[in-house]
Amino acid sequence: MHKPHSHNTPCPLCGKGTVKAKVIRNYKTRIRGYPFVVPQACIGVCDQCGERIFTAKETQRWEELFDKYLEERHALLAPAEITRLRERLGLSKRDFAYLLGVSLRSIHHWEDPERKAPPSRGSDLMMKLVGQSVESGAVEVIEFLLEEAKKWGVTIQVQQGEVAA
């Protein structure tokens, strides 16, 4: 963990205060629109207006923590799981990309054990739905998606009953 500023700097918002490095435990934020708690966030805080300054390196660290959190909860498919699914379908990377509506490059990146970024949530859900369909046939899509949302820390209530056409 690094300090957001090695020394005190003027506040870029109010221009009056000084931004000082601060470590905040259990900092509540949103990563890619989803709620997340950063165990120890290093940010700069203005002593006059309270503006919070985040360095690009620090927010990147938060995204890496978020990705790790998601992998631990099996909220995202691991590279080996994606490869197994594709091979179970008997598809080349190119055909798998066509099936999912993504680029061949995406498949290469997602299956790389040293990948820099996981698939988007939409692509991950599509692959999971395909996998579930291969495993058990018909899939209750809404129930499946509601369970997946819980892995991201989101609980959703869906209205029961018939949907108007």
N, C-alpha and C. Protein backbone atom coordinates (compact mmCIF):
# COMPACT_ATOMS: atom_id res chain seq x y z
N MET A 1 0.85 -1.17 0.00
CA MET A 1 0.00 0.00 0.00
C MET A 1 0.89 1.23 0.00
N HIS A 2 0.52 2.22 -0.76
CA HIS A 2 1.31 3.44 -0.85
C HIS A 2 0.50 4.63 -0.40
N LYS A 3 1.17 5.71 -0.12
CA LYS A 3 0.51 6.95 0.26
C LYS A 3 0.03 7.66 -1.00
N PRO A 4 -1.12 8.33 -0.96
CA PRO A 4 -1.60 9.01 -2.15
C PRO A 4 -0.73 10.22 -2.50
N HIS A 5 -0.12 10.82 -1.52
CA HIS A 5 0.75 11.97 -1.75
C HIS A 5 1.94 11.83 -0.81
N SER A 6 3.15 12.03 -1.31
CA SER A 6 4.32 11.89 -0.46
C SER A 6 4.48 13.10 0.44
N HIS A 7 3.83 14.20 0.08
CA HIS A 7 3.88 15.41 0.91
C HIS A 7 2.54 16.12 0.78
N ASN A 8 2.33 17.12 1.64
CA ASN A 8 1.08 17.86 1.60
C ASN A 8 1.03 18.71 0.34
N THR A 9 -0.15 18.74 -0.31
CA THR A 9 -0.32 19.52 -1.53
C THR A 9 -1.56 20.39 -1.41
N PRO A 10 -1.59 21.50 -2.16
CA PRO A 10 -2.79 22.35 -2.13
C PRO A 10 -3.99 21.60 -2.70
N CYS A 11 -5.17 21.91 -2.19
CA CYS A 11 -6.39 21.27 -2.66
C CYS A 11 -6.74 21.80 -4.05
N PRO A 12 -6.93 20.90 -5.03
CA PRO A 12 -7.29 21.35 -6.37
C PRO A 12 -8.74 21.84 -6.47
N LEU A 13 -9.57 21.53 -5.48
CA LEU A 13 -10.97 21.94 -5.52
C LEU A 13 -11.17 23.34 -4.93
N CYS A 14 -10.77 23.51 -3.66
CA CYS A 14 -11.02 24.79 -3.00
C CYS A 14 -9.82 25.74 -3.08
N GLY A 15 -8.63 25.18 -3.28
CA GLY A 15 -7.44 26.01 -3.37
C GLY A 15 -6.98 26.61 -2.05
N LYS A 16 -7.73 26.39 -0.99
CA LYS A 16 -7.41 26.97 0.31
C LYS A 16 -6.79 25.96 1.26
N GLY A 17 -7.25 24.75 1.17
CA GLY A 17 -6.80 23.73 2.11
C GLY A 17 -5.58 22.98 1.62
N THR A 18 -5.16 22.06 2.47
CA THR A 18 -4.03 21.20 2.15
C THR A 18 -4.52 19.76 2.12
N VAL A 19 -4.16 19.05 1.08
CA VAL A 19 -4.52 17.64 0.95
C VAL A 19 -3.47 16.82 1.69
N LYS A 20 -3.92 16.04 2.63
CA LYS A 20 -3.02 15.22 3.43
C LYS A 20 -3.37 13.75 3.26
N ALA A 21 -2.33 12.93 3.23
CA ALA A 21 -2.52 11.49 3.08
C ALA A 21 -3.24 10.93 4.30
N LYS A 22 -4.15 10.02 4.04
CA LYS A 22 -4.91 9.41 5.13
C LYS A 22 -5.25 7.97 4.74
N VAL A 23 -5.18 7.07 5.71
CA VAL A 23 -5.60 5.68 5.49
C VAL A 23 -6.96 5.52 6.16
N ILE A 24 -7.93 5.09 5.38
CA ILE A 24 -9.28 4.88 5.91
C ILE A 24 -9.58 3.39 5.86
N ARG A 25 -9.92 2.84 7.01
CA ARG A 25 -10.25 1.42 7.09
C ARG A 25 -11.70 1.21 6.67
N ASN A 26 -11.93 0.07 5.98
CA ASN A 26 -13.28 -0.31 5.54
C ASN A 26 -13.99 0.82 4.81
N TYR A 27 -13.31 1.35 3.82
CA TYR A 27 -13.83 2.46 3.02
C TYR A 27 -14.87 1.94 2.02
N LYS A 28 -16.09 2.46 2.14
CA LYS A 28 -17.18 2.04 1.27
C LYS A 28 -17.13 2.85 -0.02
N THR A 29 -17.14 2.12 -1.14
CA THR A 29 -17.09 2.77 -2.44
C THR A 29 -17.87 1.93 -3.44
N ARG A 30 -17.78 2.28 -4.69
CA ARG A 30 -18.37 1.51 -5.77
C ARG A 30 -17.27 1.26 -6.79
N ILE A 31 -17.17 0.02 -7.23
CA ILE A 31 -16.23 -0.35 -8.28
C ILE A 31 -17.08 -0.85 -9.44
N ARG A 32 -16.92 -0.23 -10.59
CA ARG A 32 -17.71 -0.58 -11.78
C ARG A 32 -19.21 -0.57 -11.48
N GLY A 33 -19.61 0.32 -10.57
CA GLY A 33 -21.02 0.45 -10.23
C GLY A 33 -21.52 -0.46 -9.13
N TYR A 34 -20.65 -1.32 -8.61
CA TYR A 34 -21.06 -2.27 -7.57
C TYR A 34 -20.48 -1.88 -6.22
N PRO A 35 -21.26 -2.12 -5.13
CA PRO A 35 -20.75 -1.77 -3.80
C PRO A 35 -19.54 -2.62 -3.43
N PHE A 36 -18.56 -1.98 -2.80
CA PHE A 36 -17.35 -2.68 -2.39
C PHE A 36 -16.75 -1.95 -1.19
N VAL A 37 -16.19 -2.73 -0.27
CA VAL A 37 -15.51 -2.16 0.89
C VAL A 37 -14.02 -2.42 0.75
N VAL A 38 -13.24 -1.35 0.66
CA VAL A 38 -11.79 -1.45 0.57
C VAL A 38 -11.27 -1.56 2.01
N PRO A 39 -10.55 -2.65 2.34
CA PRO A 39 -10.09 -2.82 3.72
C PRO A 39 -9.25 -1.64 4.23
N GLN A 40 -8.33 -1.15 3.42
CA GLN A 40 -7.52 0.01 3.78
C GLN A 40 -7.33 0.87 2.54
N ALA A 41 -8.01 1.99 2.51
CA ALA A 41 -7.93 2.90 1.38
C ALA A 41 -6.96 4.04 1.70
N CYS A 42 -6.02 4.29 0.81
CA CYS A 42 -5.08 5.39 0.96
C CYS A 42 -5.54 6.54 0.07
N ILE A 43 -6.01 7.60 0.70
CA ILE A 43 -6.52 8.72 -0.07
C ILE A 43 -5.98 10.03 0.50
N GLY A 44 -6.11 11.07 -0.29
CA GLY A 44 -5.78 12.40 0.18
C GLY A 44 -7.06 13.12 0.57
N VAL A 45 -7.04 13.81 1.71
CA VAL A 45 -8.24 14.52 2.18
C VAL A 45 -7.86 15.97 2.46
N CYS A 46 -8.65 16.91 1.89
CA CYS A 46 -8.41 18.34 2.12
C CYS A 46 -8.83 18.70 3.54
N ASP A 47 -7.95 19.40 4.25
CA ASP A 47 -8.26 19.76 5.64
C ASP A 47 -9.25 20.93 5.74
N GLN A 48 -9.62 21.53 4.60
CA GLN A 48 -10.58 22.64 4.62
C GLN A 48 -11.96 22.21 4.10
N CYS A 49 -12.00 21.68 2.89
CA CYS A 49 -13.31 21.36 2.27
C CYS A 49 -13.67 19.88 2.36
N GLY A 50 -12.71 19.03 2.75
CA GLY A 50 -12.99 17.60 2.90
C GLY A 50 -12.93 16.82 1.60
N GLU A 51 -12.57 17.49 0.49
CA GLU A 51 -12.46 16.81 -0.80
C GLU A 51 -11.53 15.61 -0.67
N ARG A 52 -11.93 14.50 -1.30
CA ARG A 52 -11.12 13.28 -1.27
C ARG A 52 -10.47 13.10 -2.63
N ILE A 53 -9.17 12.89 -2.61
CA ILE A 53 -8.39 12.75 -3.84
C ILE A 53 -7.87 11.32 -3.92
N PHE A 54 -8.11 10.68 -5.06
CA PHE A 54 -7.68 9.31 -5.27
C PHE A 54 -6.68 9.29 -6.40
N THR A 55 -5.55 8.65 -6.20
CA THR A 55 -4.59 8.52 -7.29
C THR A 55 -5.04 7.39 -8.21
N ALA A 56 -4.59 7.45 -9.45
CA ALA A 56 -4.92 6.39 -10.42
C ALA A 56 -4.36 5.06 -9.93
N LYS A 57 -3.18 5.08 -9.33
CA LYS A 57 -2.56 3.85 -8.84
C LYS A 57 -3.39 3.24 -7.71
N GLU A 58 -3.92 4.08 -6.85
CA GLU A 58 -4.74 3.59 -5.74
C GLU A 58 -6.06 3.01 -6.24
N THR A 59 -6.73 3.69 -7.16
CA THR A 59 -7.99 3.16 -7.67
C THR A 59 -7.75 1.88 -8.46
N GLN A 60 -6.62 1.76 -9.12
CA GLN A 60 -6.28 0.51 -9.81
C GLN A 60 -6.10 -0.61 -8.79
N ARG A 61 -5.48 -0.30 -7.66
CA ARG A 61 -5.31 -1.28 -6.59
C ARG A 61 -6.68 -1.74 -6.09
N TRP A 62 -7.63 -0.82 -5.97
CA TRP A 62 -8.98 -1.17 -5.52
C TRP A 62 -9.64 -2.10 -6.53
N GLU A 63 -9.48 -1.82 -7.81
CA GLU A 63 -10.06 -2.68 -8.84
C GLU A 63 -9.46 -4.08 -8.79
N GLU A 64 -8.16 -4.17 -8.52
CA GLU A 64 -7.52 -5.48 -8.39
C GLU A 64 -8.05 -6.22 -7.17
N LEU A 65 -8.26 -5.51 -6.06
CA LEU A 65 -8.85 -6.12 -4.86
C LEU A 65 -10.27 -6.60 -5.16
N PHE A 66 -11.02 -5.80 -5.90
CA PHE A 66 -12.39 -6.15 -6.27
C PHE A 66 -12.41 -7.40 -7.14
N ASP A 67 -11.51 -7.47 -8.13
CA ASP A 67 -11.44 -8.65 -8.99
C ASP A 67 -11.09 -9.89 -8.17
N LYS A 68 -10.18 -9.75 -7.22
CA LYS A 68 -9.80 -10.88 -6.37
C LYS A 68 -10.99 -11.32 -5.50
N TYR A 69 -11.70 -10.34 -4.96
CA TYR A 69 -12.91 -10.60 -4.16
C TYR A 69 -13.94 -11.37 -4.98
N LEU A 70 -14.13 -10.95 -6.24
CA LEU A 70 -15.09 -11.61 -7.11
C LEU A 70 -14.66 -13.04 -7.43
N GLU A 71 -13.37 -13.24 -7.68
CA GLU A 71 -12.88 -14.59 -7.97
C GLU A 71 -13.06 -15.50 -6.76
N GLU A 72 -12.78 -14.99 -5.56
CA GLU A 72 -12.94 -15.78 -4.33
C GLU A 72 -14.39 -16.21 -4.13
N ARG A 73 -15.32 -15.39 -4.55
CA ARG A 73 -16.75 -15.69 -4.42
C ARG A 73 -17.30 -16.43 -5.63
N HIS A 74 -16.42 -16.77 -6.56
CA HIS A 74 -16.81 -17.43 -7.81
C HIS A 74 -17.83 -16.60 -8.58
N ALA A 75 -17.69 -15.28 -8.46
CA ALA A 75 -18.58 -14.38 -9.18
C ALA A 75 -18.13 -14.22 -10.62
N LEU A 76 -16.87 -14.56 -10.91
CA LEU A 76 -16.34 -14.53 -12.27
C LEU A 76 -15.67 -15.86 -12.57
N LEU A 77 -15.81 -16.30 -13.79
CA LEU A 77 -15.15 -17.55 -14.19
C LEU A 77 -13.64 -17.36 -14.24
N ALA A 78 -12.93 -18.34 -13.74
CA ALA A 78 -11.47 -18.34 -13.81
C ALA A 78 -11.05 -18.74 -15.22
N PRO A 79 -9.84 -18.39 -15.63
CA PRO A 79 -9.38 -18.75 -16.98
C PRO A 79 -9.54 -20.24 -17.31
N ALA A 80 -9.18 -21.11 -16.38
CA ALA A 80 -9.29 -22.56 -16.63
C ALA A 80 -10.74 -22.99 -16.81
N GLU A 81 -11.67 -22.35 -16.10
CA GLU A 81 -13.09 -22.69 -16.24
C GLU A 81 -13.60 -22.30 -17.63
N ILE A 82 -13.14 -21.19 -18.14
CA ILE A 82 -13.55 -20.75 -19.47
C ILE A 82 -13.02 -21.73 -20.52
N THR A 83 -11.76 -22.12 -20.37
CA THR A 83 -11.16 -23.08 -21.30
C THR A 83 -11.91 -24.40 -21.26
N ARG A 84 -12.22 -24.89 -20.05
CA ARG A 84 -12.95 -26.16 -19.91
C ARG A 84 -14.31 -26.09 -20.58
N LEU A 85 -15.02 -24.97 -20.42
CA LEU A 85 -16.33 -24.81 -21.03
C LEU A 85 -16.20 -24.86 -22.55
N ARG A 86 -15.28 -24.10 -23.09
CA ARG A 86 -15.08 -24.07 -24.54
C ARG A 86 -14.74 -25.45 -25.07
N GLU A 87 -13.83 -26.14 -24.38
CA GLU A 87 -13.43 -27.48 -24.83
C GLU A 87 -14.57 -28.48 -24.69
N ARG A 88 -15.38 -28.33 -23.64
CA ARG A 88 -16.53 -29.23 -23.46
C ARG A 88 -17.51 -29.08 -24.61
N LEU A 89 -17.61 -27.87 -25.14
CA LEU A 89 -18.48 -27.62 -26.28
C LEU A 89 -17.82 -28.07 -27.59
N GLY A 90 -16.54 -28.40 -27.51
CA GLY A 90 -15.81 -28.83 -28.70
C GLY A 90 -15.57 -27.70 -29.68
N LEU A 91 -15.40 -26.49 -29.16
CA LEU A 91 -15.25 -25.32 -30.02
C LEU A 91 -13.82 -24.78 -30.03
N SER A 92 -13.43 -24.27 -31.19
CA SER A 92 -12.17 -23.52 -31.28
C SER A 92 -12.40 -22.18 -30.58
N LYS A 93 -11.33 -21.48 -30.31
CA LYS A 93 -11.47 -20.15 -29.70
C LYS A 93 -12.28 -19.24 -30.63
N ARG A 94 -12.04 -19.33 -31.92
CA ARG A 94 -12.76 -18.49 -32.88
C ARG A 94 -14.26 -18.77 -32.84
N ASP A 95 -14.65 -20.05 -32.86
CA ASP A 95 -16.07 -20.39 -32.84
C ASP A 95 -16.72 -20.03 -31.50
N PHE A 96 -15.98 -20.18 -30.42
CA PHE A 96 -16.48 -19.79 -29.10
C PHE A 96 -16.73 -18.28 -29.08
N ALA A 97 -15.82 -17.54 -29.67
CA ALA A 97 -15.99 -16.08 -29.76
C ALA A 97 -17.25 -15.75 -30.55
N TYR A 98 -17.46 -16.44 -31.69
CA TYR A 98 -18.67 -16.21 -32.49
C TYR A 98 -19.93 -16.55 -31.69
N LEU A 99 -19.90 -17.66 -30.96
CA LEU A 99 -21.05 -18.07 -30.16
C LEU A 99 -21.43 -17.00 -29.14
N LEU A 100 -20.42 -16.41 -28.49
CA LEU A 100 -20.66 -15.44 -27.43
C LEU A 100 -20.84 -14.01 -27.94
N GLY A 101 -20.48 -13.79 -29.20
CA GLY A 101 -20.59 -12.43 -29.74
C GLY A 101 -19.48 -11.52 -29.25
N VAL A 102 -18.29 -12.09 -29.08
CA VAL A 102 -17.12 -11.32 -28.62
C VAL A 102 -15.98 -11.53 -29.62
N SER A 103 -14.88 -10.84 -29.39
CA SER A 103 -13.74 -10.98 -30.29
C SER A 103 -12.89 -12.19 -29.91
N LEU A 104 -12.16 -12.69 -30.89
CA LEU A 104 -11.21 -13.77 -30.65
C LEU A 104 -10.17 -13.33 -29.62
N ARG A 105 -9.78 -12.09 -29.71
CA ARG A 105 -8.80 -11.53 -28.75
C ARG A 105 -9.31 -11.63 -27.31
N SER A 106 -10.61 -11.38 -27.13
CA SER A 106 -11.20 -11.48 -25.79
C SER A 106 -11.05 -12.90 -25.24
N ILE A 107 -11.35 -13.89 -26.07
CA ILE A 107 -11.23 -15.29 -25.62
C ILE A 107 -9.78 -15.58 -25.24
N HIS A 108 -8.83 -15.14 -26.05
CA HIS A 108 -7.41 -15.33 -25.73
C HIS A 108 -7.08 -14.73 -24.37
N HIS A 109 -7.53 -13.50 -24.14
CA HIS A 109 -7.25 -12.81 -22.86
C HIS A 109 -7.91 -13.52 -21.68
N TRP A 110 -9.17 -13.91 -21.84
CA TRP A 110 -9.91 -14.51 -20.73
C TRP A 110 -9.36 -15.87 -20.33
N GLU A 111 -8.83 -16.60 -21.28
CA GLU A 111 -8.29 -17.94 -20.98
C GLU A 111 -6.85 -17.89 -20.50
N ASP A 112 -6.21 -16.75 -20.60
CA ASP A 112 -4.82 -16.61 -20.16
C ASP A 112 -4.74 -16.65 -18.64
N PRO A 113 -3.99 -17.62 -18.06
CA PRO A 113 -3.88 -17.70 -16.60
C PRO A 113 -3.31 -16.43 -15.96
N GLU A 114 -2.58 -15.65 -16.74
CA GLU A 114 -2.00 -14.40 -16.23
C GLU A 114 -2.78 -13.18 -16.72
N ARG A 115 -4.06 -13.37 -16.99
CA ARG A 115 -4.86 -12.29 -17.57
C ARG A 115 -4.81 -11.03 -16.70
N LYS A 116 -4.86 -9.91 -17.40
CA LYS A 116 -4.83 -8.61 -16.72
C LYS A 116 -6.22 -8.19 -16.25
N ALA A 117 -7.24 -8.63 -16.99
CA ALA A 117 -8.61 -8.25 -16.63
C ALA A 117 -9.55 -9.41 -16.96
N PRO A 118 -10.54 -9.62 -16.11
CA PRO A 118 -11.52 -10.68 -16.37
C PRO A 118 -12.52 -10.25 -17.43
N PRO A 119 -13.38 -11.17 -17.86
CA PRO A 119 -14.43 -10.80 -18.82
C PRO A 119 -15.37 -9.77 -18.19
N SER A 120 -16.10 -9.06 -19.03
CA SER A 120 -17.13 -8.17 -18.50
C SER A 120 -18.17 -9.03 -17.80
N ARG A 121 -18.97 -8.42 -16.97
CA ARG A 121 -19.99 -9.17 -16.25
C ARG A 121 -20.97 -9.81 -17.22
N GLY A 122 -21.34 -9.09 -18.27
CA GLY A 122 -22.28 -9.63 -19.25
C GLY A 122 -21.72 -10.85 -19.96
N SER A 123 -20.46 -10.79 -20.37
CA SER A 123 -19.83 -11.94 -21.03
C SER A 123 -19.69 -13.12 -20.08
N ASP A 124 -19.34 -12.81 -18.83
CA ASP A 124 -19.21 -13.86 -17.83
C ASP A 124 -20.55 -14.56 -17.60
N LEU A 125 -21.63 -13.76 -17.49
CA LEU A 125 -22.96 -14.34 -17.29
C LEU A 125 -23.37 -15.20 -18.48
N MET A 126 -23.06 -14.73 -19.68
CA MET A 126 -23.41 -15.50 -20.88
C MET A 126 -22.70 -16.86 -20.85
N MET A 127 -21.40 -16.85 -20.51
CA MET A 127 -20.66 -18.12 -20.45
C MET A 127 -21.22 -19.03 -19.36
N LYS A 128 -21.59 -18.46 -18.23
CA LYS A 128 -22.17 -19.27 -17.15
C LYS A 128 -23.51 -19.86 -17.56
N LEU A 129 -24.32 -19.07 -18.25
CA LEU A 129 -25.60 -19.59 -18.74
C LEU A 129 -25.39 -20.72 -19.73
N VAL A 130 -24.43 -20.56 -20.63
CA VAL A 130 -24.11 -21.63 -21.58
C VAL A 130 -23.67 -22.87 -20.82
N GLY A 131 -22.79 -22.69 -19.85
CA GLY A 131 -22.30 -23.81 -19.04
C GLY A 131 -23.42 -24.50 -18.28
N GLN A 132 -24.30 -23.72 -17.69
CA GLN A 132 -25.44 -24.28 -16.94
C GLN A 132 -26.35 -25.06 -17.87
N SER A 133 -26.56 -24.54 -19.08
CA SER A 133 -27.39 -25.21 -20.06
C SER A 133 -26.78 -26.54 -20.48
N VAL A 134 -25.46 -26.57 -20.65
CA VAL A 134 -24.77 -27.81 -21.00
C VAL A 134 -24.91 -28.83 -19.87
N GLU A 135 -24.81 -28.34 -18.63
CA GLU A 135 -24.90 -29.22 -17.46
C GLU A 135 -26.28 -29.80 -17.26
N SER A 136 -27.30 -28.93 -17.28
CA SER A 136 -28.62 -29.38 -16.85
C SER A 136 -29.75 -29.12 -17.83
N GLY A 137 -29.45 -28.68 -19.02
CA GLY A 137 -30.51 -28.44 -19.99
C GLY A 137 -31.14 -27.08 -19.78
N ALA A 138 -32.45 -27.04 -19.57
CA ALA A 138 -33.17 -25.78 -19.40
C ALA A 138 -32.67 -25.04 -18.15
N VAL A 139 -32.59 -23.74 -18.26
CA VAL A 139 -32.12 -22.89 -17.16
C VAL A 139 -33.20 -21.88 -16.82
N GLU A 140 -33.50 -21.75 -15.53
CA GLU A 140 -34.39 -20.69 -15.06
C GLU A 140 -33.55 -19.42 -15.03
N VAL A 141 -33.61 -18.67 -16.10
CA VAL A 141 -32.69 -17.54 -16.30
C VAL A 141 -32.79 -16.50 -15.19
N ILE A 142 -33.99 -16.10 -14.81
CA ILE A 142 -34.14 -15.06 -13.78
C ILE A 142 -33.55 -15.53 -12.46
N GLU A 143 -33.88 -16.74 -12.03
CA GLU A 143 -33.32 -17.27 -10.78
C GLU A 143 -31.80 -17.34 -10.85
N PHE A 144 -31.29 -17.79 -11.98
CA PHE A 144 -29.85 -17.88 -12.18
C PHE A 144 -29.21 -16.50 -12.02
N LEU A 145 -29.77 -15.50 -12.68
CA LEU A 145 -29.21 -14.14 -12.62
C LEU A 145 -29.32 -13.53 -11.23
N LEU A 146 -30.40 -13.81 -10.52
CA LEU A 146 -30.55 -13.31 -9.15
C LEU A 146 -29.47 -13.89 -8.23
N GLU A 147 -29.19 -15.19 -8.38
CA GLU A 147 -28.13 -15.82 -7.57
C GLU A 147 -26.76 -15.26 -7.91
N GLU A 148 -26.51 -15.01 -9.19
CA GLU A 148 -25.23 -14.43 -9.60
C GLU A 148 -25.07 -13.01 -9.05
N ALA A 149 -26.15 -12.24 -9.02
CA ALA A 149 -26.09 -10.87 -8.50
C ALA A 149 -25.67 -10.86 -7.03
N LYS A 150 -26.10 -11.86 -6.27
CA LYS A 150 -25.73 -11.95 -4.85
C LYS A 150 -24.22 -12.06 -4.68
N LYS A 151 -23.56 -12.73 -5.62
CA LYS A 151 -22.10 -12.87 -5.56
C LYS A 151 -21.40 -11.53 -5.71
N TRP A 152 -22.10 -10.56 -6.29
CA TRP A 152 -21.57 -9.22 -6.48
C TRP A 152 -22.00 -8.27 -5.36
N GLY A 153 -22.67 -8.83 -4.36
CA GLY A 153 -23.11 -8.02 -3.23
C GLY A 153 -24.41 -7.28 -3.47
N VAL A 154 -25.20 -7.75 -4.44
CA VAL A 154 -26.45 -7.07 -4.79
C VAL A 154 -27.61 -8.05 -4.64
N THR A 155 -28.64 -7.63 -3.91
CA THR A 155 -29.86 -8.43 -3.77
C THR A 155 -30.96 -7.71 -4.54
N ILE A 156 -31.62 -8.46 -5.41
CA ILE A 156 -32.64 -7.88 -6.28
C ILE A 156 -33.96 -8.60 -6.05
N GLN A 157 -35.03 -7.83 -5.94
CA GLN A 157 -36.37 -8.39 -5.81
C GLN A 157 -37.05 -8.26 -7.16
N VAL A 158 -37.55 -9.38 -7.69
CA VAL A 158 -38.26 -9.37 -8.95
C VAL A 158 -39.74 -9.58 -8.66
N GLN A 159 -40.59 -8.81 -9.30
CA GLN A 159 -42.02 -8.95 -9.11
C GLN A 159 -42.47 -10.32 -9.59
N GLN A 160 -43.22 -11.00 -8.79
CA GLN A 160 -43.72 -12.33 -9.16
C GLN A 160 -45.00 -12.20 -9.97
N GLY A 161 -45.31 -13.21 -10.75
CA GLY A 161 -46.53 -13.19 -11.55
C GLY A 161 -46.19 -13.08 -13.02
N GLU A 162 -47.23 -12.95 -13.82
CA GLU A 162 -47.04 -12.89 -15.26
C GLU A 162 -46.48 -11.54 -15.68
N VAL A 163 -45.65 -11.58 -16.69
CA VAL A 163 -45.09 -10.38 -17.26
C VAL A 163 -45.96 -9.99 -18.44
N ALA A 164 -46.37 -8.74 -18.50
CA ALA A 164 -47.21 -8.26 -19.61
C ALA A 164 -46.42 -8.27 -20.90
N ALA A 165 -47.07 -8.70 -21.98
CA ALA A 165 -46.41 -8.76 -23.28
C ALA A 165 -46.57 -7.47 -24.04
